[in-house]
Amino acid sequence: KPLTFVEEVTQDEELVEEMWNDTEDVCPTADEEQDYSDEDEYTDASDL
C-alpha cells in the first residue's frame, strides 16, 4: 500500500530533552574510510 506517515504529539519536555541528548552525536555517515560525523545525518533546525 502507498507509504504513509503518522504524527504524534507529546508535552513531555524531559523526553524531548532525552531524545535530543541521545541524538546529538548520532549519525552514521561514510567518507573515504566510512567513518561517522555528527554534522551530516542530523539537522538542527531548533533555532529557526
All heavy atoms as atom14 arrays in JSON, in Angstrom:
{
  "sequence": "KPLTFVEEVTQDEELVEEMWNDTEDVCPTADEEQDYSDEDEYTDASDL",
  "atom14_mask": [
    [1, 1, 1, 1, 1, 1, 1, 1, 1, 0, 0, 0, 0, 0],
    [1, 1, 1, 1, 1, 1, 1, 0, 0, 0, 0, 0, 0, 0],
    [1, 1, 1, 1, 1, 1, 1, 1, 0, 0, 0, 0, 0, 0],
    [1, 1, 1, 1, 1, 1, 1, 0, 0, 0, 0, 0, 0, 0],
    [1, 1, 1, 1, 1, 1, 1, 1, 1, 1, 1, 0, 0, 0],
    [1, 1, 1, 1, 1, 1, 1, 0, 0, 0, 0, 0, 0, 0],
    [1, 1, 1, 1, 1, 1, 1, 1, 1, 0, 0, 0, 0, 0],
    [1, 1, 1, 1, 1, 1, 1, 1, 1, 0, 0, 0, 0, 0],
    [1, 1, 1, 1, 1, 1, 1, 0, 0, 0, 0, 0, 0, 0],
    [1, 1, 1, 1, 1, 1, 1, 0, 0, 0, 0, 0, 0, 0],
    [1, 1, 1, 1, 1, 1, 1, 1, 1, 0, 0, 0, 0, 0],
    [1, 1, 1, 1, 1, 1, 1, 1, 0, 0, 0, 0, 0, 0],
    [1, 1, 1, 1, 1, 1, 1, 1, 1, 0, 0, 0, 0, 0],
    [1, 1, 1, 1, 1, 1, 1, 1, 1, 0, 0, 0, 0, 0],
    [1, 1, 1, 1, 1, 1, 1, 1, 0, 0, 0, 0, 0, 0],
    [1, 1, 1, 1, 1, 1, 1, 0, 0, 0, 0, 0, 0, 0],
    [1, 1, 1, 1, 1, 1, 1, 1, 1, 0, 0, 0, 0, 0],
    [1, 1, 1, 1, 1, 1, 1, 1, 1, 0, 0, 0, 0, 0],
    [1, 1, 1, 1, 1, 1, 1, 1, 0, 0, 0, 0, 0, 0],
    [1, 1, 1, 1, 1, 1, 1, 1, 1, 1, 1, 1, 1, 1],
    [1, 1, 1, 1, 1, 1, 1, 1, 0, 0, 0, 0, 0, 0],
    [1, 1, 1, 1, 1, 1, 1, 1, 0, 0, 0, 0, 0, 0],
    [1, 1, 1, 1, 1, 1, 1, 0, 0, 0, 0, 0, 0, 0],
    [1, 1, 1, 1, 1, 1, 1, 1, 1, 0, 0, 0, 0, 0],
    [1, 1, 1, 1, 1, 1, 1, 1, 0, 0, 0, 0, 0, 0],
    [1, 1, 1, 1, 1, 1, 1, 0, 0, 0, 0, 0, 0, 0],
    [1, 1, 1, 1, 1, 1, 0, 0, 0, 0, 0, 0, 0, 0],
    [1, 1, 1, 1, 1, 1, 1, 0, 0, 0, 0, 0, 0, 0],
    [1, 1, 1, 1, 1, 1, 1, 0, 0, 0, 0, 0, 0, 0],
    [1, 1, 1, 1, 1, 0, 0, 0, 0, 0, 0, 0, 0, 0],
    [1, 1, 1, 1, 1, 1, 1, 1, 0, 0, 0, 0, 0, 0],
    [1, 1, 1, 1, 1, 1, 1, 1, 1, 0, 0, 0, 0, 0],
    [1, 1, 1, 1, 1, 1, 1, 1, 1, 0, 0, 0, 0, 0],
    [1, 1, 1, 1, 1, 1, 1, 1, 1, 0, 0, 0, 0, 0],
    [1, 1, 1, 1, 1, 1, 1, 1, 0, 0, 0, 0, 0, 0],
    [1, 1, 1, 1, 1, 1, 1, 1, 1, 1, 1, 1, 0, 0],
    [1, 1, 1, 1, 1, 1, 0, 0, 0, 0, 0, 0, 0, 0],
    [1, 1, 1, 1, 1, 1, 1, 1, 0, 0, 0, 0, 0, 0],
    [1, 1, 1, 1, 1, 1, 1, 1, 1, 0, 0, 0, 0, 0],
    [1, 1, 1, 1, 1, 1, 1, 1, 0, 0, 0, 0, 0, 0],
    [1, 1, 1, 1, 1, 1, 1, 1, 1, 0, 0, 0, 0, 0],
    [1, 1, 1, 1, 1, 1, 1, 1, 1, 1, 1, 1, 0, 0],
    [1, 1, 1, 1, 1, 1, 1, 0, 0, 0, 0, 0, 0, 0],
    [1, 1, 1, 1, 1, 1, 1, 1, 0, 0, 0, 0, 0, 0],
    [1, 1, 1, 1, 1, 0, 0, 0, 0, 0, 0, 0, 0, 0],
    [1, 1, 1, 1, 1, 1, 0, 0, 0, 0, 0, 0, 0, 0],
    [1, 1, 1, 1, 1, 1, 1, 1, 0, 0, 0, 0, 0, 0],
    [1, 1, 1, 1, 1, 1, 1, 1, 0, 0, 0, 0, 0, 0]
  ],
  "atom14_positions": [
    [[0.84, -1.2, 0.0], [0.0, 0.0, 0.0], [0.87, 1.25, 0.0], [2.02, 1.21, 0.44], [-0.93, 0.0, 1.21], [-1.96, -1.11, 1.21], [-2.85, -1.04, 2.43], [-3.9, -2.15, 2.41], [-4.77, -2.11, 3.62], [0.0, 0.0, 0.0], [0.0, 0.0, 0.0], [0.0, 0.0, 0.0], [0.0, 0.0, 0.0], [0.0, 0.0, 0.0]],
    [[0.36, 2.39, -0.51], [1.16, 3.62, -0.5], [1.72, 3.93, 0.88], [1.02, 3.77, 1.9], [0.15, 4.68, -0.96], [-0.81, 3.93, -1.8], [-0.95, 2.58, -1.14], [0.0, 0.0, 0.0], [0.0, 0.0, 0.0], [0.0, 0.0, 0.0], [0.0, 0.0, 0.0], [0.0, 0.0, 0.0], [0.0, 0.0, 0.0], [0.0, 0.0, 0.0]],
    [[2.97, 4.33, 0.9], [3.65, 4.64, 2.15], [2.97, 5.8, 2.85], [2.63, 6.81, 2.23], [5.11, 4.99, 1.85], [6.05, 5.18, 3.04], [6.15, 3.9, 3.84], [7.43, 5.61, 2.54], [0.0, 0.0, 0.0], [0.0, 0.0, 0.0], [0.0, 0.0, 0.0], [0.0, 0.0, 0.0], [0.0, 0.0, 0.0], [0.0, 0.0, 0.0]],
    [[2.73, 5.66, 4.14], [2.1, 6.71, 4.92], [2.98, 7.1, 6.1], [3.89, 6.36, 6.5], [0.73, 6.26, 5.47], [0.9, 5.09, 6.27], [-0.23, 5.95, 4.33], [0.0, 0.0, 0.0], [0.0, 0.0, 0.0], [0.0, 0.0, 0.0], [0.0, 0.0, 0.0], [0.0, 0.0, 0.0], [0.0, 0.0, 0.0], [0.0, 0.0, 0.0]],
    [[2.7, 8.29, 6.64], [3.45, 8.81, 7.77], [2.46, 9.22, 8.85], [1.34, 9.62, 8.56], [4.31, 9.99, 7.33], [5.27, 9.65, 6.24], [4.86, 9.72, 4.9], [6.55, 9.23, 6.52], [5.74, 9.38, 3.88], [7.43, 8.9, 5.5], [7.02, 8.97, 4.18], [0.0, 0.0, 0.0], [0.0, 0.0, 0.0], [0.0, 0.0, 0.0]],
    [[2.88, 9.08, 10.08], [1.99, 9.39, 11.2], [2.61, 10.48, 12.06], [3.83, 10.68, 12.05], [1.71, 8.14, 12.07], [0.98, 7.09, 11.25], [3.02, 7.55, 12.61], [0.0, 0.0, 0.0], [0.0, 0.0, 0.0], [0.0, 0.0, 0.0], [0.0, 0.0, 0.0], [0.0, 0.0, 0.0], [0.0, 0.0, 0.0], [0.0, 0.0, 0.0]],
    [[1.77, 11.17, 12.76], [2.22, 12.27, 13.62], [1.81, 12.01, 15.06], [0.69, 11.56, 15.32], [1.64, 13.59, 13.14], [2.15, 14.81, 13.89], [1.64, 16.11, 13.29], [2.23, 16.58, 12.3], [0.62, 16.62, 13.82], [0.0, 0.0, 0.0], [0.0, 0.0, 0.0], [0.0, 0.0, 0.0], [0.0, 0.0, 0.0], [0.0, 0.0, 0.0]],
    [[2.71, 12.24, 15.97], [2.42, 12.14, 17.39], [2.75, 13.47, 18.05], [3.64, 14.19, 17.6], [3.25, 11.02, 18.04], [2.85, 9.63, 17.6], [3.64, 8.56, 18.32], [4.52, 8.91, 19.15], [3.39, 7.37, 18.06], [0.0, 0.0, 0.0], [0.0, 0.0, 0.0], [0.0, 0.0, 0.0], [0.0, 0.0, 0.0], [0.0, 0.0, 0.0]],
    [[2.04, 13.76, 19.11], [2.27, 15.0, 19.86], [2.58, 14.62, 21.3], [1.89, 13.79, 21.9], [1.03, 15.92, 19.82], [1.3, 17.18, 20.63], [0.68, 16.27, 18.38], [0.0, 0.0, 0.0], [0.0, 0.0, 0.0], [0.0, 0.0, 0.0], [0.0, 0.0, 0.0], [0.0, 0.0, 0.0], [0.0, 0.0, 0.0], [0.0, 0.0, 0.0]],
    [[3.64, 15.21, 21.85], [3.98, 14.96, 23.24], [4.29, 16.27, 23.93], [4.82, 17.2, 23.33], [5.2, 14.02, 23.37], [5.51, 13.83, 24.75], [6.42, 14.6, 22.67], [0.0, 0.0, 0.0], [0.0, 0.0, 0.0], [0.0, 0.0, 0.0], [0.0, 0.0, 0.0], [0.0, 0.0, 0.0], [0.0, 0.0, 0.0], [0.0, 0.0, 0.0]],
    [[3.94, 16.33, 25.19], [4.25, 17.5, 26.01], [5.35, 17.18, 27.01], [5.65, 17.97, 27.89], [2.99, 17.97, 26.76], [1.84, 18.35, 25.85], [2.17, 19.51, 24.97], [2.91, 20.41, 25.37], [1.62, 19.52, 23.76], [0.0, 0.0, 0.0], [0.0, 0.0, 0.0], [0.0, 0.0, 0.0], [0.0, 0.0, 0.0], [0.0, 0.0, 0.0]],
    [[5.91, 15.99, 26.88], [6.92, 15.52, 27.83], [8.25, 16.17, 27.51], [9.02, 15.7, 26.69], [7.04, 14.0, 27.76], [7.9, 13.43, 28.87], [8.68, 14.2, 29.47], [7.78, 12.23, 29.16], [0.0, 0.0, 0.0], [0.0, 0.0, 0.0], [0.0, 0.0, 0.0], [0.0, 0.0, 0.0], [0.0, 0.0, 0.0], [0.0, 0.0, 0.0]],
    [[8.55, 17.29, 28.16], [9.79, 18.02, 27.87], [11.02, 17.21, 28.24], [12.06, 17.33, 27.6], [9.78, 19.35, 28.62], [8.68, 20.31, 28.13], [8.76, 21.65, 28.81], [9.68, 21.83, 29.63], [7.9, 22.51, 28.52], [0.0, 0.0, 0.0], [0.0, 0.0, 0.0], [0.0, 0.0, 0.0], [0.0, 0.0, 0.0], [0.0, 0.0, 0.0]],
    [[10.91, 16.38, 29.29], [12.06, 15.57, 29.67], [12.37, 14.55, 28.58], [13.53, 14.28, 28.26], [11.8, 14.85, 30.99], [11.75, 15.79, 32.19], [11.6, 15.03, 33.49], [11.56, 13.77, 33.44], [11.55, 15.67, 34.55], [0.0, 0.0, 0.0], [0.0, 0.0, 0.0], [0.0, 0.0, 0.0], [0.0, 0.0, 0.0], [0.0, 0.0, 0.0]],
    [[11.31, 14.0, 27.97], [11.5, 13.06, 26.89], [12.14, 13.74, 25.7], [13.05, 13.21, 25.06], [10.17, 12.44, 26.46], [10.2, 11.51, 25.22], [11.1, 10.32, 25.49], [8.79, 11.07, 24.86], [0.0, 0.0, 0.0], [0.0, 0.0, 0.0], [0.0, 0.0, 0.0], [0.0, 0.0, 0.0], [0.0, 0.0, 0.0], [0.0, 0.0, 0.0]],
    [[11.7, 14.94, 25.38], [12.27, 15.7, 24.28], [13.75, 15.96, 24.52], [14.59, 15.77, 23.64], [11.53, 17.04, 24.1], [12.23, 17.89, 23.06], [10.08, 16.79, 23.69], [0.0, 0.0, 0.0], [0.0, 0.0, 0.0], [0.0, 0.0, 0.0], [0.0, 0.0, 0.0], [0.0, 0.0, 0.0], [0.0, 0.0, 0.0], [0.0, 0.0, 0.0]],
    [[14.07, 16.38, 25.74], [15.47, 16.66, 26.05], [16.31, 15.39, 25.97], [17.43, 15.4, 25.47], [15.57, 17.26, 27.46], [17.0, 17.64, 27.83], [17.08, 18.31, 29.2], [16.02, 18.49, 29.84], [18.2, 18.63, 29.62], [0.0, 0.0, 0.0], [0.0, 0.0, 0.0], [0.0, 0.0, 0.0], [0.0, 0.0, 0.0], [0.0, 0.0, 0.0]],
    [[15.73, 14.26, 26.45], [16.46, 13.0, 26.4], [16.73, 12.57, 24.96], [17.83, 12.15, 24.61], [15.65, 11.92, 27.11], [16.32, 10.55, 27.09], [15.47, 9.49, 27.77], [14.46, 9.84, 28.4], [15.82, 8.3, 27.64], [0.0, 0.0, 0.0], [0.0, 0.0, 0.0], [0.0, 0.0, 0.0], [0.0, 0.0, 0.0], [0.0, 0.0, 0.0]],
    [[15.69, 12.73, 24.09], [15.86, 12.38, 22.68], [16.94, 13.24, 22.04], [17.77, 12.77, 21.27], [14.54, 12.53, 21.92], [13.52, 11.46, 22.22], [12.04, 11.67, 21.21], [12.71, 11.4, 19.57], [0.0, 0.0, 0.0], [0.0, 0.0, 0.0], [0.0, 0.0, 0.0], [0.0, 0.0, 0.0], [0.0, 0.0, 0.0], [0.0, 0.0, 0.0]],
    [[16.91, 14.53, 22.36], [17.91, 15.44, 21.79], [19.31, 15.05, 22.23], [20.23, 14.98, 21.43], [17.59, 16.86, 22.19], [18.65, 17.82, 21.76], [19.54, 18.48, 22.54], [18.96, 18.2, 20.43], [20.36, 19.26, 21.78], [20.03, 19.1, 20.48], [18.42, 17.87, 19.19], [20.58, 19.67, 19.34], [18.98, 18.44, 18.05], [20.04, 19.33, 18.15]],
    [[19.48, 14.79, 23.54], [20.79, 14.42, 24.05], [21.27, 13.13, 23.42], [22.45, 12.96, 23.12], [20.75, 14.29, 25.57], [20.58, 15.63, 26.27], [20.93, 16.66, 25.71], [20.03, 15.61, 27.47], [0.0, 0.0, 0.0], [0.0, 0.0, 0.0], [0.0, 0.0, 0.0], [0.0, 0.0, 0.0], [0.0, 0.0, 0.0], [0.0, 0.0, 0.0]],
    [[20.34, 12.18, 23.23], [20.7, 10.89, 22.66], [21.17, 11.01, 21.23], [21.98, 10.22, 20.75], [19.51, 9.91, 22.69], [19.27, 9.37, 24.1], [20.16, 9.54, 24.95], [18.19, 8.79, 24.33], [0.0, 0.0, 0.0], [0.0, 0.0, 0.0], [0.0, 0.0, 0.0], [0.0, 0.0, 0.0], [0.0, 0.0, 0.0], [0.0, 0.0, 0.0]],
    [[20.68, 12.01, 20.5], [20.94, 12.05, 19.06], [21.92, 13.13, 18.65], [22.25, 13.24, 17.49], [19.63, 12.28, 18.29], [19.05, 13.52, 18.7], [18.65, 11.16, 18.54], [0.0, 0.0, 0.0], [0.0, 0.0, 0.0], [0.0, 0.0, 0.0], [0.0, 0.0, 0.0], [0.0, 0.0, 0.0], [0.0, 0.0, 0.0], [0.0, 0.0, 0.0]],
    [[22.4, 13.91, 19.6], [23.31, 14.99, 19.22], [24.54, 14.47, 18.49], [25.01, 15.06, 17.54], [23.75, 15.77, 20.47], [22.75, 16.81, 20.91], [23.3, 17.64, 22.05], [23.72, 17.06, 23.07], [23.32, 18.86, 21.93], [0.0, 0.0, 0.0], [0.0, 0.0, 0.0], [0.0, 0.0, 0.0], [0.0, 0.0, 0.0], [0.0, 0.0, 0.0]],
    [[25.06, 13.31, 18.94], [26.29, 12.79, 18.36], [26.06, 11.55, 17.51], [26.98, 10.82, 17.21], [27.29, 12.44, 19.49], [27.65, 13.66, 20.31], [27.92, 14.7, 19.7], [27.64, 13.58, 21.54], [0.0, 0.0, 0.0], [0.0, 0.0, 0.0], [0.0, 0.0, 0.0], [0.0, 0.0, 0.0], [0.0, 0.0, 0.0], [0.0, 0.0, 0.0]],
    [[24.8, 11.3, 17.17], [24.48, 10.07, 16.46], [24.3, 10.34, 14.99], [23.42, 11.07, 14.62], [23.18, 9.48, 17.01], [22.87, 8.19, 16.29], [23.3, 9.23, 18.49], [0.0, 0.0, 0.0], [0.0, 0.0, 0.0], [0.0, 0.0, 0.0], [0.0, 0.0, 0.0], [0.0, 0.0, 0.0], [0.0, 0.0, 0.0], [0.0, 0.0, 0.0]],
    [[25.14, 9.78, 14.16], [24.94, 9.99, 12.73], [25.9, 9.15, 11.93], [27.0, 9.56, 11.67], [25.15, 11.43, 12.37], [26.56, 12.14, 13.17], [0.0, 0.0, 0.0], [0.0, 0.0, 0.0], [0.0, 0.0, 0.0], [0.0, 0.0, 0.0], [0.0, 0.0, 0.0], [0.0, 0.0, 0.0], [0.0, 0.0, 0.0], [0.0, 0.0, 0.0]],
    [[25.5, 7.93, 11.55], [26.37, 7.13, 10.71], [26.48, 7.73, 9.33], [25.5, 7.87, 8.63], [25.68, 5.77, 10.66], [24.27, 6.06, 11.02], [24.27, 7.3, 11.86], [0.0, 0.0, 0.0], [0.0, 0.0, 0.0], [0.0, 0.0, 0.0], [0.0, 0.0, 0.0], [0.0, 0.0, 0.0], [0.0, 0.0, 0.0], [0.0, 0.0, 0.0]],
    [[27.67, 8.13, 8.94], [27.92, 8.63, 7.59], [29.12, 7.87, 7.07], [29.67, 7.0, 7.73], [28.2, 10.14, 7.61], [29.36, 10.37, 8.4], [27.02, 10.89, 8.19], [0.0, 0.0, 0.0], [0.0, 0.0, 0.0], [0.0, 0.0, 0.0], [0.0, 0.0, 0.0], [0.0, 0.0, 0.0], [0.0, 0.0, 0.0], [0.0, 0.0, 0.0]],
    [[29.55, 8.21, 5.88], [30.69, 7.49, 5.34], [31.56, 8.42, 4.52], [31.08, 9.15, 3.7], [30.21, 6.36, 4.45], [0.0, 0.0, 0.0], [0.0, 0.0, 0.0], [0.0, 0.0, 0.0], [0.0, 0.0, 0.0], [0.0, 0.0, 0.0], [0.0, 0.0, 0.0], [0.0, 0.0, 0.0], [0.0, 0.0, 0.0], [0.0, 0.0, 0.0]],
    [[32.86, 8.38, 4.8], [33.78, 9.09, 3.93], [34.67, 8.05, 3.27], [34.28, 6.89, 3.16], [34.59, 10.15, 4.7], [35.54, 9.53, 5.7], [35.65, 8.28, 5.71], [36.17, 10.29, 6.45], [0.0, 0.0, 0.0], [0.0, 0.0, 0.0], [0.0, 0.0, 0.0], [0.0, 0.0, 0.0], [0.0, 0.0, 0.0], [0.0, 0.0, 0.0]],
    [[35.85, 8.45, 2.87], [36.69, 7.5, 2.14], [36.93, 6.25, 2.96], [37.04, 5.16, 2.42], [38.02, 8.2, 1.81], [38.88, 7.38, 0.88], [40.08, 8.16, 0.42], [40.43, 9.15, 1.09], [40.66, 7.79, -0.6], [0.0, 0.0, 0.0], [0.0, 0.0, 0.0], [0.0, 0.0, 0.0], [0.0, 0.0, 0.0], [0.0, 0.0, 0.0]],
    [[37.0, 6.39, 4.31], [37.19, 5.24, 5.16], [35.9, 4.88, 5.88], [35.88, 4.07, 6.79], [38.28, 5.53, 6.2], [39.65, 5.79, 5.55], [40.71, 6.06, 6.6], [40.34, 6.21, 7.78], [41.9, 6.1, 6.24], [0.0, 0.0, 0.0], [0.0, 0.0, 0.0], [0.0, 0.0, 0.0], [0.0, 0.0, 0.0], [0.0, 0.0, 0.0]],
    [[34.78, 5.5, 5.5], [33.47, 5.23, 6.07], [33.45, 5.47, 7.58], [33.19, 4.59, 8.37], [33.05, 3.78, 5.76], [33.02, 3.48, 4.27], [32.09, 4.4, 3.53], [30.94, 4.5, 3.87], [32.59, 5.07, 2.54], [0.0, 0.0, 0.0], [0.0, 0.0, 0.0], [0.0, 0.0, 0.0], [0.0, 0.0, 0.0], [0.0, 0.0, 0.0]],
    [[33.75, 6.68, 8.0], [33.67, 7.0, 9.41], [32.35, 7.72, 9.69], [31.52, 7.86, 8.82], [34.88, 7.82, 9.88], [34.88, 9.21, 9.25], [33.98, 9.49, 8.42], [35.76, 10.0, 9.59], [0.0, 0.0, 0.0], [0.0, 0.0, 0.0], [0.0, 0.0, 0.0], [0.0, 0.0, 0.0], [0.0, 0.0, 0.0], [0.0, 0.0, 0.0]],
    [[32.17, 8.17, 10.93], [30.95, 8.82, 11.33], [31.19, 10.3, 11.59], [32.23, 10.7, 12.07], [30.41, 8.18, 12.63], [29.86, 6.81, 12.42], [30.71, 5.7, 12.42], [28.51, 6.62, 12.22], [30.2, 4.43, 12.23], [28.0, 5.35, 12.03], [28.85, 4.26, 12.04], [28.34, 3.01, 11.85], [0.0, 0.0, 0.0], [0.0, 0.0, 0.0]],
    [[30.22, 11.11, 11.29], [30.3, 12.54, 11.52], [28.98, 13.04, 12.05], [27.94, 12.69, 11.54], [30.64, 13.28, 10.22], [30.39, 14.65, 10.37], [0.0, 0.0, 0.0], [0.0, 0.0, 0.0], [0.0, 0.0, 0.0], [0.0, 0.0, 0.0], [0.0, 0.0, 0.0], [0.0, 0.0, 0.0], [0.0, 0.0, 0.0], [0.0, 0.0, 0.0]],
    [[29.02, 13.87, 13.09], [27.76, 14.31, 13.69], [27.22, 15.57, 13.03], [26.35, 16.22, 13.57], [27.93, 14.54, 15.2], [28.94, 15.64, 15.51], [29.55, 16.19, 14.58], [29.11, 15.92, 16.7], [0.0, 0.0, 0.0], [0.0, 0.0, 0.0], [0.0, 0.0, 0.0], [0.0, 0.0, 0.0], [0.0, 0.0, 0.0], [0.0, 0.0, 0.0]],
    [[27.7, 15.9, 11.85], [27.23, 17.11, 11.21], [26.38, 16.83, 9.97], [25.79, 17.74, 9.42], [28.42, 17.98, 10.79], [29.21, 18.47, 11.98], [30.39, 19.32, 11.55], [30.64, 19.44, 10.33], [31.07, 19.84, 12.43], [0.0, 0.0, 0.0], [0.0, 0.0, 0.0], [0.0, 0.0, 0.0], [0.0, 0.0, 0.0], [0.0, 0.0, 0.0]],
    [[26.3, 15.57, 9.56], [25.67, 15.29, 8.28], [24.33, 14.58, 8.4], [23.45, 14.8, 7.59], [26.61, 14.44, 7.42], [27.88, 15.19, 7.12], [27.81, 16.19, 6.4], [28.92, 14.77, 7.62], [0.0, 0.0, 0.0], [0.0, 0.0, 0.0], [0.0, 0.0, 0.0], [0.0, 0.0, 0.0], [0.0, 0.0, 0.0], [0.0, 0.0, 0.0]],
    [[24.16, 13.73, 9.4], [22.94, 12.93, 9.49], [21.83, 13.67, 10.2], [20.67, 13.47, 9.92], [23.27, 11.62, 10.22], [22.08, 10.74, 10.45], [22.03, 9.64, 9.41], [22.92, 9.61, 8.56], [21.11, 8.83, 9.45], [0.0, 0.0, 0.0], [0.0, 0.0, 0.0], [0.0, 0.0, 0.0], [0.0, 0.0, 0.0], [0.0, 0.0, 0.0]],
    [[22.17, 14.56, 11.14], [21.17, 15.22, 11.95], [21.17, 16.71, 11.7], [22.19, 17.36, 11.81], [21.39, 14.91, 13.43], [21.16, 13.46, 13.68], [22.17, 12.55, 13.53], [19.87, 13.0, 13.94], [21.94, 11.21, 13.68], [19.63, 11.65, 14.09], [20.66, 10.77, 13.96], [20.43, 9.43, 14.1], [0.0, 0.0, 0.0], [0.0, 0.0, 0.0]],
    [[20.03, 17.22, 11.37], [19.88, 18.64, 11.06], [19.2, 19.32, 12.24], [18.09, 18.96, 12.61], [19.02, 18.84, 9.8], [19.64, 18.12, 8.73], [18.91, 20.3, 9.45], [0.0, 0.0, 0.0], [0.0, 0.0, 0.0], [0.0, 0.0, 0.0], [0.0, 0.0, 0.0], [0.0, 0.0, 0.0], [0.0, 0.0, 0.0], [0.0, 0.0, 0.0]],
    [[19.85, 20.3, 12.85], [19.26, 21.03, 13.96], [18.62, 22.31, 13.43], [19.31, 23.24, 13.07], [20.35, 21.36, 14.99], [19.79, 22.22, 16.13], [18.55, 22.3, 16.23], [20.59, 22.77, 16.89], [0.0, 0.0, 0.0], [0.0, 0.0, 0.0], [0.0, 0.0, 0.0], [0.0, 0.0, 0.0], [0.0, 0.0, 0.0], [0.0, 0.0, 0.0]],
    [[17.32, 22.3, 13.4], [16.6, 23.49, 12.97], [15.89, 24.12, 14.15], [14.95, 24.9, 13.99], [15.59, 23.15, 11.88], [0.0, 0.0, 0.0], [0.0, 0.0, 0.0], [0.0, 0.0, 0.0], [0.0, 0.0, 0.0], [0.0, 0.0, 0.0], [0.0, 0.0, 0.0], [0.0, 0.0, 0.0], [0.0, 0.0, 0.0], [0.0, 0.0, 0.0]],
    [[16.32, 23.79, 15.35], [15.63, 24.28, 16.54], [15.76, 25.79, 16.71], [15.03, 26.39, 17.49], [16.17, 23.57, 17.79], [17.56, 23.79, 17.92], [0.0, 0.0, 0.0], [0.0, 0.0, 0.0], [0.0, 0.0, 0.0], [0.0, 0.0, 0.0], [0.0, 0.0, 0.0], [0.0, 0.0, 0.0], [0.0, 0.0, 0.0], [0.0, 0.0, 0.0]],
    [[16.71, 26.39, 15.98], [16.88, 27.84, 16.11], [16.2, 28.61, 14.98], [16.49, 29.78, 14.78], [18.36, 28.19, 16.16], [19.12, 27.73, 14.91], [18.51, 26.98, 14.12], [20.28, 28.11, 14.77], [0.0, 0.0, 0.0], [0.0, 0.0, 0.0], [0.0, 0.0, 0.0], [0.0, 0.0, 0.0], [0.0, 0.0, 0.0], [0.0, 0.0, 0.0]],
    [[15.3, 27.95, 14.23], [14.56, 28.67, 13.19], [13.78, 29.82, 13.81], [13.14, 29.68, 14.83], [13.58, 27.73, 12.49], [14.15, 26.78, 11.42], [13.05, 25.91, 10.87], [14.82, 27.56, 10.31], [0.0, 0.0, 0.0], [0.0, 0.0, 0.0], [0.0, 0.0, 0.0], [0.0, 0.0, 0.0], [0.0, 0.0, 0.0], [0.0, 0.0, 0.0]]
  ]
}
